[in-house]
C-alpha cells in the first residue's frame, strides 16, 4: 500500500483491543494511552465471549471499531499445550476467525493480528526470517497452537488479496513483563522461573530442579516494547508478510535460570531433569524487517526481568492464574 493511502490512527479513532486483560493486550492499551489515543474500547470475556460468533458479530455491528488489535488468545507453556491440543486449536481458531471476519464485514479500516514465533518450523534457519513460514514441519509440543495462529495470519493475507483490506500480522518472540501468567503448570518459561525461584527463596529450598538440560536457546522481548512496536506498525506498515517482533539476542535456558535466580535473590543450587522435554532447540527471530521499518527494542533482559519480578511481588494474585 502506498504511503498516501496508508490508514493512520487519529487520536480519537475508535480502537478495539481484544484481549485487554492479558499481558499483551494490557500492554497495548497502556501504550495507546501513553501516546494519547483516547477512544479505546474493550470487553471482558464475561461481557463478550469471542468464541461465540453471533455475539462477536453483534459487537462489531454495534460498536464498529475503526482499528482492531487482536491480542486475545488461549495461551500456555509446554505442559498446557501438550495436555490440551484440541482445546488450543479450537479456541484460538474460532476466536480469531470470529474477530477478523466480523471486522471485515463491518468496515474495520485496519486490523493487526498477534501471533507467536512458534508458527515457524522446528528446524527453521536461524535467525528465523518471516519467509521461512510453512517450509517444514512444526514443533510437535505446540503444533495445535501454531496451526491456529498460522490460520489467522493467512486469513488476514487472503482478505487482503481478495477484498483489498489492510490487515497485518505481528509474530512476537517469547514475551514477559507486567500482567504475565505465573501459574505453576500453564505459564511460559520465564514467568515460571520467576515464581519457582521466588518460592524457593521464601522456603529456603536448597535445590531448584528445572526441566530439560538447559541447552535450548531462547529470545525474550519485554511486553511493553512489543506494544510500542504494535502501535508503530499499525501506523507505519502494510503488507501480507508478517513482521517478526524480537530483540535479535538469545540466551540459554541455563543462563536464563541463573539470571532469574540472581535477580530474585535465590542462593541455592540449580539442577536439571533431562528426562523432561527441552522443546525447540533454538528460536531466534530475524528482526531485520522491523529494524528496516524504523523500530528497535528498548528494554534489555536483566532490566526487564527486574521489572517483571517487581510486578510479580506487587500483584501476588497473578501467581494463581
C-alpha atoms as a PDB file:
ATOM      1  CA  UNK A   1       0.000   0.000   0.000  1.00  0.00           C
ATOM      2  CA  UNK A   2       1.415   3.410  -0.962  1.00  0.00           C
ATOM      3  CA  UNK A   3       2.154   5.872   1.845  1.00  0.00           C
ATOM      4  CA  UNK A   4      -0.527   8.293   0.731  1.00  0.00           C
ATOM      5  CA  UNK A   5      -3.107   5.503   1.070  1.00  0.00           C
ATOM      6  CA  UNK A   6      -1.976   4.268   4.458  1.00  0.00           C
ATOM      7  CA  UNK A   7      -4.540   4.492   7.243  1.00  0.00           C
ATOM      8  CA  UNK A   8      -3.063   6.294  10.239  1.00  0.00           C
ATOM      9  CA  UNK A   9      -4.879   6.179  13.536  1.00  0.00           C
ATOM     10  CA  UNK A  10      -6.160   9.530  14.755  1.00  0.00           C
ATOM     11  CA  UNK A  11      -6.055  10.257  18.480  1.00  0.00           C
ATOM     12  CA  UNK A  12      -9.850   9.935  18.625  1.00  0.00           C
ATOM     13  CA  UNK A  13     -10.100   6.919  16.293  1.00  0.00           C
ATOM     14  CA  UNK A  14     -12.245   4.128  17.719  1.00  0.00           C
ATOM     15  CA  UNK A  15      -9.786   1.373  18.638  1.00  0.00           C
ATOM     16  CA  UNK A  16     -10.769  -2.073  19.890  1.00  0.00           C
ATOM     17  CA  UNK A  17      -8.169  -4.075  21.814  1.00  0.00           C
ATOM     18  CA  UNK A  18      -9.265  -7.717  22.002  1.00  0.00           C
ATOM     19  CA  UNK A  19      -7.742  -9.466  24.999  1.00  0.00           C
ATOM     20  CA  UNK A  20      -7.091  -6.294  27.001  1.00  0.00           C
ATOM     21  CA  UNK A  21      -6.764  -8.170  30.298  1.00  0.00           C
ATOM     22  CA  UNK A  22      -3.938 -10.352  29.059  1.00  0.00           C
ATOM     23  CA  UNK A  23      -0.268  -9.455  29.169  1.00  0.00           C
ATOM     24  CA  UNK A  24      -0.077  -8.309  25.530  1.00  0.00           C
ATOM     25  CA  UNK A  25      -3.473  -6.649  25.327  1.00  0.00           C
ATOM     26  CA  UNK A  26      -2.988  -4.695  28.550  1.00  0.00           C
ATOM     27  CA  UNK A  27       0.413  -3.518  27.326  1.00  0.00           C
ATOM     28  CA  UNK A  28      -1.144  -2.316  24.054  1.00  0.00           C
ATOM     29  CA  UNK A  29      -3.792  -0.386  25.997  1.00  0.00           C
ATOM     30  CA  UNK A  30      -1.055   1.225  28.131  1.00  0.00           C
ATOM     31  CA  UNK A  31       0.925   2.183  25.029  1.00  0.00           C
ATOM     32  CA  UNK A  32      -2.098   3.626  23.247  1.00  0.00           C
ATOM     33  CA  UNK A  33      -2.954   5.696  26.314  1.00  0.00           C
ATOM     34  CA  UNK A  34       0.668   6.812  26.651  1.00  0.00           C
ATOM     35  CA  UNK A  35       0.576   8.070  23.072  1.00  0.00           C
ATOM     36  CA  UNK A  36      -2.665   9.966  23.634  1.00  0.00           C
ATOM     37  CA  UNK A  37      -5.260   7.728  21.967  1.00  0.00           C
ATOM     38  CA  UNK A  38      -8.485   8.419  23.835  1.00  0.00           C
ATOM     39  CA  UNK A  39     -11.197   6.267  22.267  1.00  0.00           C
ATOM     40  CA  UNK A  40     -10.192   2.726  23.257  1.00  0.00           C
ATOM     41  CA  UNK A  41     -12.939   0.128  23.644  1.00  0.00           C
ATOM     42  CA  UNK A  42     -12.571  -3.169  25.473  1.00  0.00           C
ATOM     43  CA  UNK A  43     -14.712  -6.084  26.606  1.00  0.00           C
ATOM     44  CA  UNK A  44     -14.027  -8.682  29.274  1.00  0.00           C
ATOM     45  CA  UNK A  45     -14.571 -12.353  28.482  1.00  0.00           C
ATOM     46  CA  UNK A  46     -17.740 -12.241  30.590  1.00  0.00           C
ATOM     47  CA  UNK A  47     -19.035  -9.298  28.557  1.00  0.00           C
ATOM     48  CA  UNK A  48     -18.059 -10.791  25.191  1.00  0.00           C
ATOM     49  CA  UNK A  49     -17.087 -14.413  24.554  1.00  0.00           C
ATOM     50  CA  UNK A  50     -15.029 -14.223  21.361  1.00  0.00           C
ATOM     51  CA  UNK A  51     -15.694 -17.902  20.659  1.00  0.00           C
ATOM     52  CA  UNK A  52     -19.402 -17.118  20.132  1.00  0.00           C
ATOM     53  CA  UNK A  53     -19.802 -15.971  16.550  1.00  0.00           C
ATOM     54  CA  UNK A  54     -23.215 -14.348  16.963  1.00  0.00           C
ATOM     55  CA  UNK A  55     -22.035 -12.308  19.970  1.00  0.00           C
ATOM     56  CA  UNK A  56     -18.918 -11.124  18.142  1.00  0.00           C
ATOM     57  CA  UNK A  57     -20.920 -10.144  15.065  1.00  0.00           C
ATOM     58  CA  UNK A  58     -23.360  -8.154  17.213  1.00  0.00           C
ATOM     59  CA  UNK A  59     -20.498  -6.374  18.976  1.00  0.00           C
ATOM     60  CA  UNK A  60     -18.927  -5.272  15.681  1.00  0.00           C
ATOM     61  CA  UNK A  61     -22.285  -4.223  14.226  1.00  0.00           C
ATOM     62  CA  UNK A  62     -22.976  -2.084  17.289  1.00  0.00           C
ATOM     63  CA  UNK A  63     -19.543  -0.636  18.059  1.00  0.00           C
ATOM     64  CA  UNK A  64     -17.989  -0.533  14.555  1.00  0.00           C
ATOM     65  CA  UNK A  65     -14.369  -0.056  15.655  1.00  0.00           C
ATOM     66  CA  UNK A  66     -12.097   1.547  13.052  1.00  0.00           C
ATOM     67  CA  UNK A  67      -8.941  -0.239  14.213  1.00  0.00           C
ATOM     68  CA  UNK A  68      -8.527  -3.613  15.903  1.00  0.00           C
ATOM     69  CA  UNK A  69      -5.591  -5.092  17.819  1.00  0.00           C
ATOM     70  CA  UNK A  70      -6.302  -8.826  18.068  1.00  0.00           C
ATOM     71  CA  UNK A  71      -4.307  -9.869  21.129  1.00  0.00           C
ATOM     72  CA  UNK A  72      -6.854 -12.318  22.570  1.00  0.00           C
ATOM     73  CA  UNK A  73      -5.719 -15.955  22.650  1.00  0.00           C
ATOM     74  CA  UNK A  74      -5.722 -19.134  24.689  1.00  0.00           C
ATOM     75  CA  UNK A  75      -2.061 -19.467  25.704  1.00  0.00           C
ATOM     76  CA  UNK A  76       0.166 -21.683  27.834  1.00  0.00           C
ATOM     77  CA  UNK A  77       3.538 -23.370  28.169  1.00  0.00           C
ATOM     78  CA  UNK A  78       4.715 -26.827  27.088  1.00  0.00           C
ATOM     79  CA  UNK A  79       2.555 -28.722  29.609  1.00  0.00           C
ATOM     80  CA  UNK A  80      -0.642 -26.854  28.772  1.00  0.00           C
ATOM     81  CA  UNK A  81      -0.050 -27.211  25.039  1.00  0.00           C
ATOM     82  CA  UNK A  82       0.625 -30.955  25.254  1.00  0.00           C
ATOM     83  CA  UNK A  83      -2.341 -31.684  27.517  1.00  0.00           C
ATOM     84  CA  UNK A  84      -4.969 -29.676  25.640  1.00  0.00           C
ATOM     85  CA  UNK A  85      -4.102 -29.910  21.948  1.00  0.00           C
ATOM     86  CA  UNK A  86      -7.704 -29.882  20.746  1.00  0.00           C
ATOM     87  CA  UNK A  87      -8.692 -27.025  23.053  1.00  0.00           C
ATOM     88  CA  UNK A  88      -5.773 -24.862  21.981  1.00  0.00           C
ATOM     89  CA  UNK A  89      -6.526 -25.378  18.314  1.00  0.00           C
ATOM     90  CA  UNK A  90     -10.301 -24.934  18.517  1.00  0.00           C
ATOM     91  CA  UNK A  91     -10.467 -21.956  20.874  1.00  0.00           C
ATOM     92  CA  UNK A  92      -7.764 -19.973  19.113  1.00  0.00           C
ATOM     93  CA  UNK A  93      -9.011 -20.677  15.609  1.00  0.00           C
ATOM     94  CA  UNK A  94     -12.627 -19.897  16.453  1.00  0.00           C
ATOM     95  CA  UNK A  95     -11.985 -16.633  18.300  1.00  0.00           C
ATOM     96  CA  UNK A  96      -9.548 -15.234  15.740  1.00  0.00           C
ATOM     97  CA  UNK A  97     -11.767 -16.125  12.788  1.00  0.00           C
ATOM     98  CA  UNK A  98     -14.786 -14.568  14.507  1.00  0.00           C
ATOM     99  CA  UNK A  99     -12.970 -11.302  15.191  1.00  0.00           C
ATOM    100  CA  UNK A 100     -11.195 -10.987  11.821  1.00  0.00           C
ATOM    101  CA  UNK A 101     -14.308 -11.884   9.838  1.00  0.00           C
ATOM    102  CA  UNK A 102     -16.571  -9.533  11.786  1.00  0.00           C
ATOM    103  CA  UNK A 103     -14.025  -6.715  11.487  1.00  0.00           C
ATOM    104  CA  UNK A 104     -14.030  -7.155   7.719  1.00  0.00           C
ATOM    105  CA  UNK A 105     -17.821  -7.405   7.467  1.00  0.00           C
ATOM    106  CA  UNK A 106     -18.236  -4.175   9.425  1.00  0.00           C
ATOM    107  CA  UNK A 107     -15.742  -1.994   7.606  1.00  0.00           C
ATOM    108  CA  UNK A 108     -12.797  -2.005  10.011  1.00  0.00           C
ATOM    109  CA  UNK A 109     -10.095   0.215   8.466  1.00  0.00           C
ATOM    110  CA  UNK A 110      -7.183  -1.842   9.738  1.00  0.00           C
ATOM    111  CA  UNK A 111      -6.619  -4.921  11.880  1.00  0.00           C
ATOM    112  CA  UNK A 112      -3.437  -6.167  13.489  1.00  0.00           C
ATOM    113  CA  UNK A 113      -3.204  -9.878  14.314  1.00  0.00           C
ATOM    114  CA  UNK A 114      -0.850 -11.016  17.079  1.00  0.00           C
ATOM    115  CA  UNK A 115       0.691 -14.430  16.650  1.00  0.00           C
ATOM    116  CA  UNK A 116       3.727 -16.226  18.037  1.00  0.00           C
ATOM    117  CA  UNK A 117       7.158 -17.308  16.836  1.00  0.00           C
ATOM    118  CA  UNK A 118       6.039 -20.933  17.294  1.00  0.00           C
ATOM    119  CA  UNK A 119       4.430 -20.633  13.841  1.00  0.00           C
ATOM    120  CA  UNK A 120       7.863 -21.207  12.304  1.00  0.00           C
ATOM    121  CA  UNK A 121       9.261 -24.687  11.597  1.00  0.00           C
ATOM    122  CA  UNK A 122      11.012 -26.609  14.373  1.00  0.00           C
ATOM    123  CA  UNK A 123      14.259 -26.709  12.415  1.00  0.00           C
ATOM    124  CA  UNK A 124      13.932 -23.318  10.723  1.00  0.00           C
ATOM    125  CA  UNK A 125      17.075 -21.449   9.682  1.00  0.00           C
ATOM    126  CA  UNK A 126      18.443 -19.305  12.494  1.00  0.00           C
ATOM    127  CA  UNK A 127      17.695 -16.496  12.930  1.00  0.00           C
ATOM    128  CA  UNK A 128      14.221 -17.184  11.553  1.00  0.00           C
ATOM    129  CA  UNK A 129      13.103 -14.878   8.720  1.00  0.00           C
ATOM    130  CA  UNK A 130       9.429 -14.251   8.033  1.00  0.00           C
ATOM    131  CA  UNK A 131       9.854 -16.102   4.725  1.00  0.00           C
ATOM    132  CA  UNK A 132      10.537 -19.481   6.391  1.00  0.00           C
ATOM    133  CA  UNK A 133       6.862 -19.896   7.320  1.00  0.00           C
ATOM    134  CA  UNK A 134       5.430 -23.270   6.177  1.00  0.00           C
ATOM    135  CA  UNK A 135       8.738 -24.521   4.746  1.00  0.00           C
ATOM    136  CA  UNK A 136       8.959 -27.616   7.022  1.00  0.00           C
ATOM    137  CA  UNK A 137       7.253 -29.318   9.977  1.00  0.00           C
ATOM    138  CA  UNK A 138       6.318 -27.594  13.222  1.00  0.00           C
ATOM    139  CA  UNK A 139       7.459 -28.328  16.772  1.00  0.00           C
ATOM    140  CA  UNK A 140       5.092 -31.061  17.986  1.00  0.00           C
ATOM    141  CA  UNK A 141       4.711 -29.738  21.543  1.00  0.00           C
ATOM    142  CA  UNK A 142       2.859 -26.628  20.342  1.00  0.00           C
ATOM    143  CA  UNK A 143       1.681 -27.708  16.909  1.00  0.00           C
ATOM    144  CA  UNK A 144      -2.013 -27.128  17.648  1.00  0.00           C
ATOM    145  CA  UNK A 145      -1.477 -23.542  18.793  1.00  0.00           C
ATOM    146  CA  UNK A 146       0.849 -22.834  15.867  1.00  0.00           C
ATOM    147  CA  UNK A 147      -1.636 -24.148  13.305  1.00  0.00           C
ATOM    148  CA  UNK A 148      -4.347 -21.907  14.711  1.00  0.00           C
ATOM    149  CA  UNK A 149      -2.082 -18.868  14.561  1.00  0.00           C
ATOM    150  CA  UNK A 150      -0.976 -19.687  11.018  1.00  0.00           C
ATOM    151  CA  UNK A 151      -4.638 -19.886  10.022  1.00  0.00           C
ATOM    152  CA  UNK A 152      -5.268 -16.441  11.488  1.00  0.00           C
ATOM    153  CA  UNK A 153      -2.413 -14.737   9.713  1.00  0.00           C
ATOM    154  CA  UNK A 154      -3.274 -16.479   6.445  1.00  0.00           C
ATOM    155  CA  UNK A 155      -6.899 -15.381   6.721  1.00  0.00           C
ATOM    156  CA  UNK A 156      -5.683 -11.794   7.077  1.00  0.00           C
ATOM    157  CA  UNK A 157      -3.499 -12.270   3.998  1.00  0.00           C
ATOM    158  CA  UNK A 158      -6.316 -13.810   1.972  1.00  0.00           C
ATOM    159  CA  UNK A 159      -8.736 -10.993   2.896  1.00  0.00           C
ATOM    160  CA  UNK A 160      -6.114  -8.518   1.721  1.00  0.00           C
ATOM    161  CA  UNK A 161      -5.691 -10.361  -1.556  1.00  0.00           C
ATOM    162  CA  UNK A 162      -9.381 -10.951  -2.242  1.00  0.00           C
ATOM    163  CA  UNK A 163     -11.001  -7.827  -0.815  1.00  0.00           C
ATOM    164  CA  UNK A 164      -8.222  -5.237  -0.566  1.00  0.00           C
ATOM    165  CA  UNK A 165      -8.263  -4.981   3.221  1.00  0.00           C
ATOM    166  CA  UNK A 166      -5.288  -3.647   5.196  1.00  0.00           C
ATOM    167  CA  UNK A 167      -4.824  -6.407   7.772  1.00  0.00           C
ATOM    168  CA  UNK A 168      -1.339  -7.081   9.125  1.00  0.00           C
ATOM    169  CA  UNK A 169       0.270  -9.696  11.367  1.00  0.00           C
ATOM    170  CA  UNK A 170       2.981  -9.487  14.016  1.00  0.00           C
ATOM    171  CA  UNK A 171       4.870 -12.517  15.323  1.00  0.00           C
ATOM    172  CA  UNK A 172       6.477 -11.905  18.729  1.00  0.00           C
ATOM    173  CA  UNK A 173       9.217 -13.979  20.271  1.00  0.00           C
ATOM    174  CA  UNK A 174       8.888 -15.137  23.911  1.00  0.00           C
ATOM    175  CA  UNK A 175       7.265 -12.342  25.904  1.00  0.00           C
ATOM    176  CA  UNK A 176       7.383 -11.369  29.569  1.00  0.00           C
ATOM    177  CA  UNK A 177       6.535  -8.423  31.780  1.00  0.00           C
ATOM    178  CA  UNK A 178       3.624  -6.849  33.685  1.00  0.00           C
ATOM    179  CA  UNK A 179       0.426  -8.894  33.911  1.00  0.00           C
ATOM    180  CA  UNK A 180       2.146 -12.149  32.953  1.00  0.00           C
ATOM    181  CA  UNK A 181       0.746 -15.575  33.834  1.00  0.00           C
ATOM    182  CA  UNK A 182       2.650 -17.226  36.705  1.00  0.00           C
ATOM    183  CA  UNK A 183       0.546 -20.373  37.031  1.00  0.00           C
ATOM    184  CA  UNK A 184       2.769 -23.335  38.047  1.00  0.00           C
ATOM    185  CA  UNK A 185       1.602 -25.534  35.154  1.00  0.00           C
ATOM    186  CA  UNK A 186       0.242 -23.174  32.500  1.00  0.00           C
ATOM    187  CA  UNK A 187       2.906 -20.448  32.350  1.00  0.00           C
ATOM    188  CA  UNK A 188       5.782 -19.928  29.928  1.00  0.00           C
ATOM    189  CA  UNK A 189       9.404 -20.460  30.882  1.00  0.00           C
ATOM    190  CA  UNK A 190      10.429 -17.040  32.195  1.00  0.00           C
ATOM    191  CA  UNK A 191       7.432 -16.352  34.483  1.00  0.00           C
ATOM    192  CA  UNK A 192       7.590 -19.981  35.609  1.00  0.00           C
ATOM    193  CA  UNK A 193      11.226 -19.459  36.642  1.00  0.00           C
ATOM    194  CA  UNK A 194      10.389 -16.220  38.465  1.00  0.00           C
ATOM    195  CA  UNK A 195       7.733 -17.974  40.518  1.00  0.00           C
ATOM    196  CA  UNK A 196       9.828 -21.099  41.141  1.00  0.00           C
ATOM    197  CA  UNK A 197      12.893 -19.215  42.372  1.00  0.00           C
ATOM    198  CA  UNK A 198      10.802 -16.816  44.436  1.00  0.00           C
ATOM    199  CA  UNK A 199       9.064 -19.693  46.208  1.00  0.00           C
ATOM    200  CA  UNK A 200      12.391 -21.491  46.667  1.00  0.00           C
ATOM    201  CA  UNK A 201      13.854 -18.355  48.260  1.00  0.00           C
ATOM    202  CA  UNK A 202      10.836 -17.969  50.541  1.00  0.00           C
ATOM    203  CA  UNK A 203      11.049 -21.614  51.689  1.00  0.00           C
ATOM    204  CA  UNK A 204      14.872 -21.684  51.895  1.00  0.00           C
ATOM    205  CA  UNK A 205      14.978 -24.609  49.471  1.00  0.00           C
ATOM    206  CA  UNK A 206      18.472 -25.959  48.873  1.00  0.00           C
ATOM    207  CA  UNK A 207      17.754 -27.104  45.296  1.00  0.00           C
ATOM    208  CA  UNK A 208      15.556 -25.994  42.401  1.00  0.00           C
ATOM    209  CA  UNK A 209      15.077 -28.550  39.631  1.00  0.00           C
ATOM    210  CA  UNK A 210      14.442 -27.200  36.143  1.00  0.00           C
ATOM    211  CA  UNK A 211      13.157 -29.036  33.090  1.00  0.00           C
ATOM    212  CA  UNK A 212      15.441 -30.334  30.339  1.00  0.00           C
ATOM    213  CA  UNK A 213      19.201 -29.893  30.235  1.00  0.00           C
ATOM    214  CA  UNK A 214      19.349 -26.111  29.999  1.00  0.00           C
ATOM    215  CA  UNK A 215      20.782 -26.084  26.483  1.00  0.00           C
ATOM    216  CA  UNK A 216      17.920 -24.622  24.403  1.00  0.00           C
ATOM    217  CA  UNK A 217      18.430 -21.068  23.231  1.00  0.00           C
ATOM    218  CA  UNK A 218      15.612 -18.573  23.626  1.00  0.00           C
ATOM    219  CA  UNK A 219      14.943 -14.932  22.839  1.00  0.00           C
ATOM    220  CA  UNK A 220      12.857 -12.712  25.131  1.00  0.00           C
ATOM    221  CA  UNK A 221      11.086  -9.407  24.474  1.00  0.00           C
ATOM    222  CA  UNK A 222       9.674  -7.154  27.194  1.00  0.00           C
ATOM    223  CA  UNK A 223       5.954  -6.829  26.526  1.00  0.00           C
ATOM    224  CA  UNK A 224       5.881  -3.022  26.649  1.00  0.00           C
ATOM    225  CA  UNK A 225       8.426  -2.999  23.825  1.00  0.00           C
ATOM    226  CA  UNK A 226       6.133  -5.267  21.808  1.00  0.00           C
ATOM    227  CA  UNK A 227       3.205  -2.913  22.459  1.00  0.00           C
ATOM    228  CA  UNK A 228       5.265   0.006  21.192  1.00  0.00           C
ATOM    229  CA  UNK A 229       6.004  -1.945  18.005  1.00  0.00           C
ATOM    230  CA  UNK A 230       2.341  -2.899  17.592  1.00  0.00           C
ATOM    231  CA  UNK A 231       1.209   0.718  17.616  1.00  0.00           C
ATOM    232  CA  UNK A 232       4.122   1.686  15.372  1.00  0.00           C
ATOM    233  CA  UNK A 233       3.222  -0.973  12.794  1.00  0.00           C
ATOM    234  CA  UNK A 234      -0.452  -0.054  12.843  1.00  0.00           C
ATOM    235  CA  UNK A 235       0.598   3.400  11.648  1.00  0.00           C
ATOM    236  CA  UNK A 236       3.626   2.545   9.521  1.00  0.00           C
ATOM    237  CA  UNK A 237       3.262  -0.875   7.879  1.00  0.00           C
ATOM    238  CA  UNK A 238       1.002  -2.517   5.356  1.00  0.00           C
ATOM    239  CA  UNK A 239       1.691  -5.863   3.727  1.00  0.00           C
ATOM    240  CA  UNK A 240       0.820  -9.542   3.531  1.00  0.00           C
ATOM    241  CA  UNK A 241       4.019 -10.815   5.108  1.00  0.00           C
ATOM    242  CA  UNK A 242       4.113 -10.948   8.882  1.00  0.00           C
ATOM    243  CA  UNK A 243       6.608  -8.850  10.867  1.00  0.00           C
ATOM    244  CA  UNK A 244       8.822 -10.504  13.480  1.00  0.00           C
ATOM    245  CA  UNK A 245       8.977  -8.853  16.905  1.00  0.00           C
ATOM    246  CA  UNK A 246      12.070  -9.574  18.960  1.00  0.00           C
ATOM    247  CA  UNK A 247      15.468  -8.385  20.130  1.00  0.00           C
ATOM    248  CA  UNK A 248      17.732 -10.433  17.871  1.00  0.00           C
ATOM    249  CA  UNK A 249      19.533 -11.684  21.004  1.00  0.00           C
ATOM    250  CA  UNK A 250      19.355 -15.137  22.605  1.00  0.00           C
ATOM    251  CA  UNK A 251      20.275 -16.823  25.878  1.00  0.00           C
ATOM    252  CA  UNK A 252      20.428 -20.456  27.006  1.00  0.00           C
ATOM    253  CA  UNK A 253      17.759 -21.618  29.431  1.00  0.00           C
ATOM    254  CA  UNK A 254      20.599 -22.457  31.840  1.00  0.00           C
ATOM    255  CA  UNK A 255      21.949 -18.893  31.739  1.00  0.00           C
ATOM    256  CA  UNK A 256      18.408 -17.514  31.976  1.00  0.00           C
ATOM    257  CA  UNK A 257      17.734 -19.601  35.076  1.00  0.00           C
ATOM    258  CA  UNK A 258      20.915 -18.334  36.715  1.00  0.00           C
ATOM    259  CA  UNK A 259      19.982 -14.740  35.842  1.00  0.00           C
ATOM    260  CA  UNK A 260      16.466 -15.083  37.277  1.00  0.00           C
ATOM    261  CA  UNK A 261      17.847 -16.722  40.435  1.00  0.00           C
ATOM    262  CA  UNK A 262      20.265 -13.800  40.872  1.00  0.00           C
ATOM    263  CA  UNK A 263      17.552 -11.161  40.403  1.00  0.00           C
ATOM    264  CA  UNK A 264      15.111 -12.935  42.730  1.00  0.00           C
ATOM    265  CA  UNK A 265      17.846 -13.498  45.316  1.00  0.00           C
ATOM    266  CA  UNK A 266      17.818 -17.296  45.411  1.00  0.00           C
ATOM    267  CA  UNK A 267      21.111 -18.665  46.784  1.00  0.00           C
ATOM    268  CA  UNK A 268      20.618 -22.437  46.434  1.00  0.00           C
ATOM    269  CA  UNK A 269      21.621 -24.922  43.710  1.00  0.00           C
ATOM    270  CA  UNK A 270      20.028 -25.376  40.299  1.00  0.00           C
ATOM    271  CA  UNK A 271      19.728 -28.937  38.980  1.00  0.00           C
ATOM    272  CA  UNK A 272      18.379 -30.207  35.650  1.00  0.00           C
ATOM    273  CA  UNK A 273      15.946 -33.026  34.897  1.00  0.00           C
ATOM    274  CA  UNK A 274      16.950 -34.208  31.423  1.00  0.00           C
ATOM    275  CA  UNK A 275      14.005 -36.639  31.310  1.00  0.00           C
ATOM    276  CA  UNK A 276      11.765 -33.612  30.795  1.00  0.00           C
ATOM    277  CA  UNK A 277      11.308 -32.060  27.336  1.00  0.00           C
ATOM    278  CA  UNK A 278      13.540 -29.250  26.115  1.00  0.00           C
ATOM    279  CA  UNK A 279      11.178 -28.075  23.395  1.00  0.00           C
ATOM    280  CA  UNK A 280      12.595 -26.478  20.253  1.00  0.00           C
ATOM    281  CA  UNK A 281      16.413 -26.365  20.426  1.00  0.00           C
ATOM    282  CA  UNK A 282      16.685 -22.779  19.195  1.00  0.00           C
ATOM    283  CA  UNK A 283      14.200 -19.988  18.468  1.00  0.00           C
ATOM    284  CA  UNK A 284      15.775 -16.721  17.373  1.00  0.00           C
ATOM    285  CA  UNK A 285      13.868 -14.331  15.163  1.00  0.00           C
ATOM    286  CA  UNK A 286      15.364 -12.393  12.291  1.00  0.00           C
ATOM    287  CA  UNK A 287      14.289  -8.857  13.248  1.00  0.00           C
ATOM    288  CA  UNK A 288      15.891  -7.068  10.309  1.00  0.00           C
ATOM    289  CA  UNK A 289      12.484  -6.273   8.805  1.00  0.00           C
ATOM    290  CA  UNK A 290      11.284  -4.392  11.893  1.00  0.00           C
ATOM    291  CA  UNK A 291      14.600  -2.553  12.049  1.00  0.00           C
ATOM    292  CA  UNK A 292      14.300  -1.588   8.390  1.00  0.00           C
ATOM    293  CA  UNK A 293      10.854  -0.167   9.177  1.00  0.00           C
ATOM    294  CA  UNK A 294      12.483   2.058  11.806  1.00  0.00           C
ATOM    295  CA  UNK A 295      11.881   0.192  15.081  1.00  0.00           C
ATOM    296  CA  UNK A 296      14.161  -1.409  17.688  1.00  0.00           C
ATOM    297  CA  UNK A 297      13.521  -2.714  21.207  1.00  0.00           C
ATOM    298  CA  UNK A 298      14.495  -0.672  24.282  1.00  0.00           C
ATOM    299  CA  UNK A 299      14.472  -2.948  27.357  1.00  0.00           C
ATOM    300  CA  UNK A 300      17.457  -5.226  27.987  1.00  0.00           C
ATOM    301  CA  UNK A 301      16.735  -8.638  29.513  1.00  0.00           C
ATOM    302  CA  UNK A 302      18.133  -8.083  33.020  1.00  0.00           C
ATOM    303  CA  UNK A 303      16.288  -4.782  33.411  1.00  0.00           C
ATOM    304  CA  UNK A 304      13.100  -6.372  32.077  1.00  0.00           C
ATOM    305  CA  UNK A 305      13.274  -9.311  34.490  1.00  0.00           C
ATOM    306  CA  UNK A 306      13.731  -6.901  37.394  1.00  0.00           C
ATOM    307  CA  UNK A 307      10.618  -5.006  36.277  1.00  0.00           C
ATOM    308  CA  UNK A 308       8.699  -8.277  35.846  1.00  0.00           C
ATOM    309  CA  UNK A 309       9.700  -9.519  39.300  1.00  0.00           C
ATOM    310  CA  UNK A 310       8.628  -6.203  40.826  1.00  0.00           C
ATOM    311  CA  UNK A 311       5.240  -6.609  39.153  1.00  0.00           C
ATOM    312  CA  UNK A 312       5.013 -10.201  40.413  1.00  0.00           C
ATOM    313  CA  UNK A 313       5.654  -9.076  44.001  1.00  0.00           C
ATOM    314  CA  UNK A 314       3.142  -6.240  43.773  1.00  0.00           C
ATOM    315  CA  UNK A 315       0.396  -8.427  42.311  1.00  0.00           C
ATOM    316  CA  UNK A 316       0.504 -11.767  44.161  1.00  0.00           C
ATOM    317  CA  UNK A 317      -2.885 -12.933  42.865  1.00  0.00           C
ATOM    318  CA  UNK A 318      -1.383 -13.232  39.377  1.00  0.00           C
ATOM    319  CA  UNK A 319       0.537 -16.254  40.583  1.00  0.00           C
ATOM    320  CA  UNK A 320      -2.746 -18.120  40.905  1.00  0.00           C
ATOM    321  CA  UNK A 321      -3.811 -17.640  37.265  1.00  0.00           C
END
